[in-house]
Amino acid sequence: MNIGTISMRYARALLKYAMEQGAEDVIYGNMSQLVHTIDKVKELPVLLRAPILSAEERVRLICEVVDGGEVFERFASLIVKEEREELLFFIAHAYMTIYRKAKGVLSVSFTTTKPMSESLRTKVEKLIGEVCGAKVELNNVVDDSIIDGFIYKADSIRVDASVRRQLCDIRNGLVEQNRKLV
């Protein structure tokens, strides 16, 4: 079984159906919430495969996790009927990826030492959006191990302007200079 191919097929079909229903944005929110929940509750996919639960209970559980509407409920019913519950996480990621591509949304991870203020977040989103020519979905990751500065990740681009990286560069330069002396 090719998880990527199967997940992408379900995600494409769901996006097409959601667009027909005018619910693609709502489903995107549902999928984002589903990914977040599965990240937090690792046992959820195992629970969804438990033979003690009926098909209706599985569908209800999936819908309650994300507070899904009618379109999401139809999707959950299909997933349970086809016994693809273990692929929910992958389907959700695939949906989010193709949704962003279809809507021209750039997902950006911006790592800082402290949470960004709302005004700074708005300015950064606007700046990145103007430079990239896309709507920006900014995810602020807090990591105090970078000491100061930031790390920007979007698609295949990564800019590490952290003090930690600069200190590593200095250390590596000193080590290299010492190797030449010895």
C-alpha atoms as a PDB file:
ATOM      1  CA  MET A   1       0.000   0.000   0.000  1.00  0.00           C
ATOM      2  CA  ASN A   2       1.409   3.383  -1.003  1.00  0.00           C
ATOM      3  CA  ILE A   3       0.341   5.731   1.781  1.00  0.00           C
ATOM      4  CA  GLY A   4       1.265   8.890  -0.137  1.00  0.00           C
ATOM      5  CA  THR A   5      -0.664   7.979  -3.276  1.00  0.00           C
ATOM      6  CA  ILE A   6      -3.762   6.867  -1.420  1.00  0.00           C
ATOM      7  CA  SER A   7      -3.716   9.900   0.881  1.00  0.00           C
ATOM      8  CA  MET A   8      -3.325  12.268  -2.049  1.00  0.00           C
ATOM      9  CA  ARG A   9      -6.253  10.669  -3.908  1.00  0.00           C
ATOM     10  CA  TYR A  10      -8.558  11.071  -0.937  1.00  0.00           C
ATOM     11  CA  ALA A  11      -7.330  14.631  -0.352  1.00  0.00           C
ATOM     12  CA  ARG A  12      -7.887  15.638  -3.990  1.00  0.00           C
ATOM     13  CA  ALA A  13     -11.371  14.132  -4.024  1.00  0.00           C
ATOM     14  CA  LEU A  14     -12.231  15.867  -0.765  1.00  0.00           C
ATOM     15  CA  LEU A  15     -10.955  19.230  -2.030  1.00  0.00           C
ATOM     16  CA  LYS A  16     -12.960  18.876  -5.224  1.00  0.00           C
ATOM     17  CA  TYR A  17     -16.114  17.975  -3.306  1.00  0.00           C
ATOM     18  CA  ALA A  18     -15.529  20.715  -0.720  1.00  0.00           C
ATOM     19  CA  MET A  19     -15.074  23.307  -3.482  1.00  0.00           C
ATOM     20  CA  GLU A  20     -18.348  22.186  -5.083  1.00  0.00           C
ATOM     21  CA  GLN A  21     -20.031  22.686  -1.707  1.00  0.00           C
ATOM     22  CA  GLY A  22     -18.207  25.973  -1.017  1.00  0.00           C
ATOM     23  CA  ALA A  23     -16.702  24.494   2.127  1.00  0.00           C
ATOM     24  CA  GLU A  24     -13.013  24.172   1.251  1.00  0.00           C
ATOM     25  CA  ASP A  25     -11.969  26.782   3.814  1.00  0.00           C
ATOM     26  CA  VAL A  26     -13.971  25.100   6.579  1.00  0.00           C
ATOM     27  CA  ILE A  27     -12.524  21.693   5.673  1.00  0.00           C
ATOM     28  CA  TYR A  28      -9.033  23.218   5.707  1.00  0.00           C
ATOM     29  CA  GLY A  29      -9.669  24.335   9.274  1.00  0.00           C
ATOM     30  CA  ASN A  30     -11.009  20.877  10.125  1.00  0.00           C
ATOM     31  CA  MET A  31      -7.927  19.209   8.672  1.00  0.00           C
ATOM     32  CA  SER A  32      -5.620  21.584  10.505  1.00  0.00           C
ATOM     33  CA  GLN A  33      -7.445  20.796  13.733  1.00  0.00           C
ATOM     34  CA  LEU A  34      -7.260  17.053  12.980  1.00  0.00           C
ATOM     35  CA  VAL A  35      -3.489  17.185  12.426  1.00  0.00           C
ATOM     36  CA  HIS A  36      -3.047  19.156  15.634  1.00  0.00           C
ATOM     37  CA  THR A  37      -5.192  16.684  17.596  1.00  0.00           C
ATOM     38  CA  ILE A  38      -3.398  13.615  16.249  1.00  0.00           C
ATOM     39  CA  ASP A  39      -0.060  15.272  17.065  1.00  0.00           C
ATOM     40  CA  LYS A  40      -1.236  15.746  20.658  1.00  0.00           C
ATOM     41  CA  VAL A  41      -3.117  12.441  21.068  1.00  0.00           C
ATOM     42  CA  LYS A  42      -0.935   9.797  19.409  1.00  0.00           C
ATOM     43  CA  GLU A  43      -3.364   7.036  20.453  1.00  0.00           C
ATOM     44  CA  LEU A  44      -6.229   8.405  18.330  1.00  0.00           C
ATOM     45  CA  PRO A  45      -5.449   6.394  15.150  1.00  0.00           C
ATOM     46  CA  VAL A  46      -5.126   3.224  17.264  1.00  0.00           C
ATOM     47  CA  LEU A  47      -8.413   3.978  19.001  1.00  0.00           C
ATOM     48  CA  LEU A  48     -10.143   4.477  15.637  1.00  0.00           C
ATOM     49  CA  ARG A  49      -9.120   0.951  14.612  1.00  0.00           C
ATOM     50  CA  ALA A  50     -10.403  -0.629  17.838  1.00  0.00           C
ATOM     51  CA  PRO A  51     -12.868  -3.417  17.005  1.00  0.00           C
ATOM     52  CA  ILE A  52     -14.993  -2.472  20.015  1.00  0.00           C
ATOM     53  CA  LEU A  53     -16.202   0.678  18.200  1.00  0.00           C
ATOM     54  CA  SER A  54     -18.950   0.445  15.605  1.00  0.00           C
ATOM     55  CA  ALA A  55     -18.636   2.304  12.302  1.00  0.00           C
ATOM     56  CA  GLU A  56     -21.084   4.965  13.500  1.00  0.00           C
ATOM     57  CA  GLU A  57     -19.087   5.496  16.688  1.00  0.00           C
ATOM     58  CA  ARG A  58     -15.877   5.890  14.671  1.00  0.00           C
ATOM     59  CA  VAL A  59     -17.470   8.493  12.429  1.00  0.00           C
ATOM     60  CA  ARG A  60     -18.870  10.339  15.447  1.00  0.00           C
ATOM     61  CA  LEU A  61     -15.489  10.273  17.181  1.00  0.00           C
ATOM     62  CA  ILE A  62     -13.702  11.668  14.119  1.00  0.00           C
ATOM     63  CA  CYS A  63     -16.314  14.420  13.739  1.00  0.00           C
ATOM     64  CA  GLU A  64     -16.215  15.324  17.430  1.00  0.00           C
ATOM     65  CA  VAL A  65     -12.438  15.647  17.367  1.00  0.00           C
ATOM     66  CA  VAL A  66     -12.662  18.467  14.830  1.00  0.00           C
ATOM     67  CA  ASP A  67     -16.239  19.680  15.347  1.00  0.00           C
ATOM     68  CA  GLY A  68     -16.854  18.970  11.660  1.00  0.00           C
ATOM     69  CA  GLY A  69     -19.898  19.893   9.611  1.00  0.00           C
ATOM     70  CA  GLU A  70     -21.857  17.979   6.996  1.00  0.00           C
ATOM     71  CA  VAL A  71     -19.098  17.842   4.367  1.00  0.00           C
ATOM     72  CA  PHE A  72     -16.566  16.635   6.912  1.00  0.00           C
ATOM     73  CA  GLU A  73     -19.033  14.075   8.247  1.00  0.00           C
ATOM     74  CA  ARG A  74     -19.508  12.642   4.752  1.00  0.00           C
ATOM     75  CA  PHE A  75     -15.733  12.443   4.402  1.00  0.00           C
ATOM     76  CA  ALA A  76     -15.399  10.707   7.789  1.00  0.00           C
ATOM     77  CA  SER A  77     -18.114   8.227   6.789  1.00  0.00           C
ATOM     78  CA  LEU A  78     -16.241   7.386   3.609  1.00  0.00           C
ATOM     79  CA  ILE A  79     -12.966   6.938   5.497  1.00  0.00           C
ATOM     80  CA  VAL A  80     -14.587   4.559   7.978  1.00  0.00           C
ATOM     81  CA  LYS A  81     -16.495   2.680   5.262  1.00  0.00           C
ATOM     82  CA  GLU A  82     -13.267   2.129   3.291  1.00  0.00           C
ATOM     83  CA  GLU A  83     -11.339   1.316   6.512  1.00  0.00           C
ATOM     84  CA  ARG A  84      -8.766   4.082   5.964  1.00  0.00           C
ATOM     85  CA  GLU A  85      -8.792   5.499   9.496  1.00  0.00           C
ATOM     86  CA  GLU A  86      -5.056   4.941   9.885  1.00  0.00           C
ATOM     87  CA  LEU A  87      -4.482   7.320   6.958  1.00  0.00           C
ATOM     88  CA  LEU A  88      -6.396  10.276   8.429  1.00  0.00           C
ATOM     89  CA  PHE A  89      -3.221  12.089   9.476  1.00  0.00           C
ATOM     90  CA  PHE A  90      -1.662  11.697   6.023  1.00  0.00           C
ATOM     91  CA  ILE A  91      -4.863  12.618   4.194  1.00  0.00           C
ATOM     92  CA  ALA A  92      -5.183  15.744   6.334  1.00  0.00           C
ATOM     93  CA  HIS A  93      -1.605  16.797   5.527  1.00  0.00           C
ATOM     94  CA  ALA A  94      -2.148  16.101   1.826  1.00  0.00           C
ATOM     95  CA  TYR A  95      -5.380  18.135   1.842  1.00  0.00           C
ATOM     96  CA  MET A  96      -3.671  21.060   3.532  1.00  0.00           C
ATOM     97  CA  THR A  97      -0.842  20.958   0.974  1.00  0.00           C
ATOM     98  CA  ILE A  98      -3.060  20.911  -2.108  1.00  0.00           C
ATOM     99  CA  TYR A  99      -5.431  23.478  -0.573  1.00  0.00           C
ATOM    100  CA  ARG A 100      -2.536  25.882  -0.034  1.00  0.00           C
ATOM    101  CA  LYS A 101      -1.343  25.347  -3.582  1.00  0.00           C
ATOM    102  CA  ALA A 102      -4.836  25.883  -5.022  1.00  0.00           C
ATOM    103  CA  LYS A 103      -5.425  29.023  -2.940  1.00  0.00           C
ATOM    104  CA  GLY A 104      -1.928  30.507  -3.305  1.00  0.00           C
ATOM    105  CA  VAL A 105      -1.162  30.241   0.405  1.00  0.00           C
ATOM    106  CA  LEU A 106       2.442  30.046   1.591  1.00  0.00           C
ATOM    107  CA  SER A 107       2.944  28.189   4.863  1.00  0.00           C
ATOM    108  CA  VAL A 108       5.790  29.761   6.817  1.00  0.00           C
ATOM    109  CA  SER A 109       7.428  28.540   9.996  1.00  0.00           C
ATOM    110  CA  PHE A 110       9.044  31.411  11.871  1.00  0.00           C
ATOM    111  CA  THR A 111      11.071  30.336  14.909  1.00  0.00           C
ATOM    112  CA  THR A 112      11.839  32.927  17.594  1.00  0.00           C
ATOM    113  CA  THR A 113      12.882  32.859  21.245  1.00  0.00           C
ATOM    114  CA  LYS A 114       9.620  34.437  22.440  1.00  0.00           C
ATOM    115  CA  PRO A 115       6.094  34.425  21.039  1.00  0.00           C
ATOM    116  CA  MET A 116       5.611  37.160  18.452  1.00  0.00           C
ATOM    117  CA  SER A 117       3.308  40.036  19.307  1.00  0.00           C
ATOM    118  CA  GLU A 118       0.248  40.365  17.110  1.00  0.00           C
ATOM    119  CA  SER A 119       1.538  43.590  15.524  1.00  0.00           C
ATOM    120  CA  LEU A 120       4.922  42.016  14.699  1.00  0.00           C
ATOM    121  CA  ARG A 121       3.199  38.927  13.344  1.00  0.00           C
ATOM    122  CA  THR A 122       1.035  41.078  11.068  1.00  0.00           C
ATOM    123  CA  LYS A 123       4.056  43.041   9.823  1.00  0.00           C
ATOM    124  CA  VAL A 124       6.054  39.863   9.120  1.00  0.00           C
ATOM    125  CA  GLU A 125       3.104  38.246   7.296  1.00  0.00           C
ATOM    126  CA  LYS A 126       2.637  41.393   5.204  1.00  0.00           C
ATOM    127  CA  LEU A 127       6.350  41.659   4.363  1.00  0.00           C
ATOM    128  CA  ILE A 128       6.682  37.996   3.399  1.00  0.00           C
ATOM    129  CA  GLY A 129       3.433  38.183   1.430  1.00  0.00           C
ATOM    130  CA  GLU A 130       4.672  41.199  -0.558  1.00  0.00           C
ATOM    131  CA  VAL A 131       8.045  39.587  -1.286  1.00  0.00           C
ATOM    132  CA  CYS A 132       6.620  36.174  -2.206  1.00  0.00           C
ATOM    133  CA  GLY A 133       3.420  37.365  -3.834  1.00  0.00           C
ATOM    134  CA  ALA A 134       1.257  35.001  -1.807  1.00  0.00           C
ATOM    135  CA  LYS A 135      -1.080  34.936   1.146  1.00  0.00           C
ATOM    136  CA  VAL A 136       0.981  33.900   4.164  1.00  0.00           C
ATOM    137  CA  GLU A 137       0.012  31.439   6.871  1.00  0.00           C
ATOM    138  CA  LEU A 138       2.540  32.106   9.622  1.00  0.00           C
ATOM    139  CA  ASN A 139       3.279  29.537  12.302  1.00  0.00           C
ATOM    140  CA  ASN A 140       5.343  31.035  15.128  1.00  0.00           C
ATOM    141  CA  VAL A 141       7.489  28.352  16.771  1.00  0.00           C
ATOM    142  CA  VAL A 142       9.063  29.296  20.098  1.00  0.00           C
ATOM    143  CA  ASP A 143      12.530  27.830  20.753  1.00  0.00           C
ATOM    144  CA  ASP A 144      14.768  29.567  23.263  1.00  0.00           C
ATOM    145  CA  SER A 145      17.740  27.353  22.288  1.00  0.00           C
ATOM    146  CA  ILE A 146      18.359  29.604  19.262  1.00  0.00           C
ATOM    147  CA  ILE A 147      19.439  32.261  21.830  1.00  0.00           C
ATOM    148  CA  ASP A 148      18.200  35.184  19.697  1.00  0.00           C
ATOM    149  CA  GLY A 149      17.328  35.991  16.098  1.00  0.00           C
ATOM    150  CA  PHE A 150      14.998  33.842  13.997  1.00  0.00           C
ATOM    151  CA  ILE A 151      14.739  30.854  11.680  1.00  0.00           C
ATOM    152  CA  TYR A 152      12.513  31.200   8.618  1.00  0.00           C
ATOM    153  CA  LYS A 153      11.249  28.104   6.760  1.00  0.00           C
ATOM    154  CA  ALA A 154       8.944  28.107   3.759  1.00  0.00           C
ATOM    155  CA  ASP A 155       8.771  25.428   1.096  1.00  0.00           C
ATOM    156  CA  SER A 156      12.393  24.543   0.330  1.00  0.00           C
ATOM    157  CA  ILE A 157      13.830  27.812   1.655  1.00  0.00           C
ATOM    158  CA  ARG A 158      15.430  27.989   5.093  1.00  0.00           C
ATOM    159  CA  VAL A 159      17.062  31.114   6.489  1.00  0.00           C
ATOM    160  CA  ASP A 160      18.804  30.663   9.828  1.00  0.00           C
ATOM    161  CA  ALA A 161      19.564  34.063  11.325  1.00  0.00           C
ATOM    162  CA  SER A 162      19.882  32.754  14.863  1.00  0.00           C
ATOM    163  CA  VAL A 163      22.664  33.542  17.293  1.00  0.00           C
ATOM    164  CA  ARG A 164      23.089  29.787  17.853  1.00  0.00           C
ATOM    165  CA  ARG A 165      23.980  29.283  14.177  1.00  0.00           C
ATOM    166  CA  GLN A 166      26.349  32.251  14.215  1.00  0.00           C
ATOM    167  CA  LEU A 167      28.131  30.864  17.287  1.00  0.00           C
ATOM    168  CA  CYS A 168      28.419  27.468  15.581  1.00  0.00           C
ATOM    169  CA  ASP A 169      29.889  29.153  12.497  1.00  0.00           C
ATOM    170  CA  ILE A 170      32.461  30.960  14.655  1.00  0.00           C
ATOM    171  CA  ARG A 171      33.354  27.736  16.492  1.00  0.00           C
ATOM    172  CA  ASN A 172      33.707  25.813  13.226  1.00  0.00           C
ATOM    173  CA  GLY A 173      35.902  28.585  11.799  1.00  0.00           C
ATOM    174  CA  LEU A 174      38.180  28.510  14.839  1.00  0.00           C
ATOM    175  CA  VAL A 175      38.434  24.719  14.710  1.00  0.00           C
ATOM    176  CA  GLU A 176      39.322  24.873  11.020  1.00  0.00           C
ATOM    177  CA  GLN A 177      41.978  27.528  11.636  1.00  0.00           C
ATOM    178  CA  ASN A 178      43.506  25.440  14.436  1.00  0.00           C
ATOM    179  CA  ARG A 179      43.658  22.374  12.156  1.00  0.00           C
ATOM    180  CA  LYS A 180      45.672  24.392   9.641  1.00  0.00           C
ATOM    181  CA  LEU A 181      48.107  25.497  12.358  1.00  0.00           C
ATOM    182  CA  VAL A 182      48.789  21.975  13.631  1.00  0.00           C
END
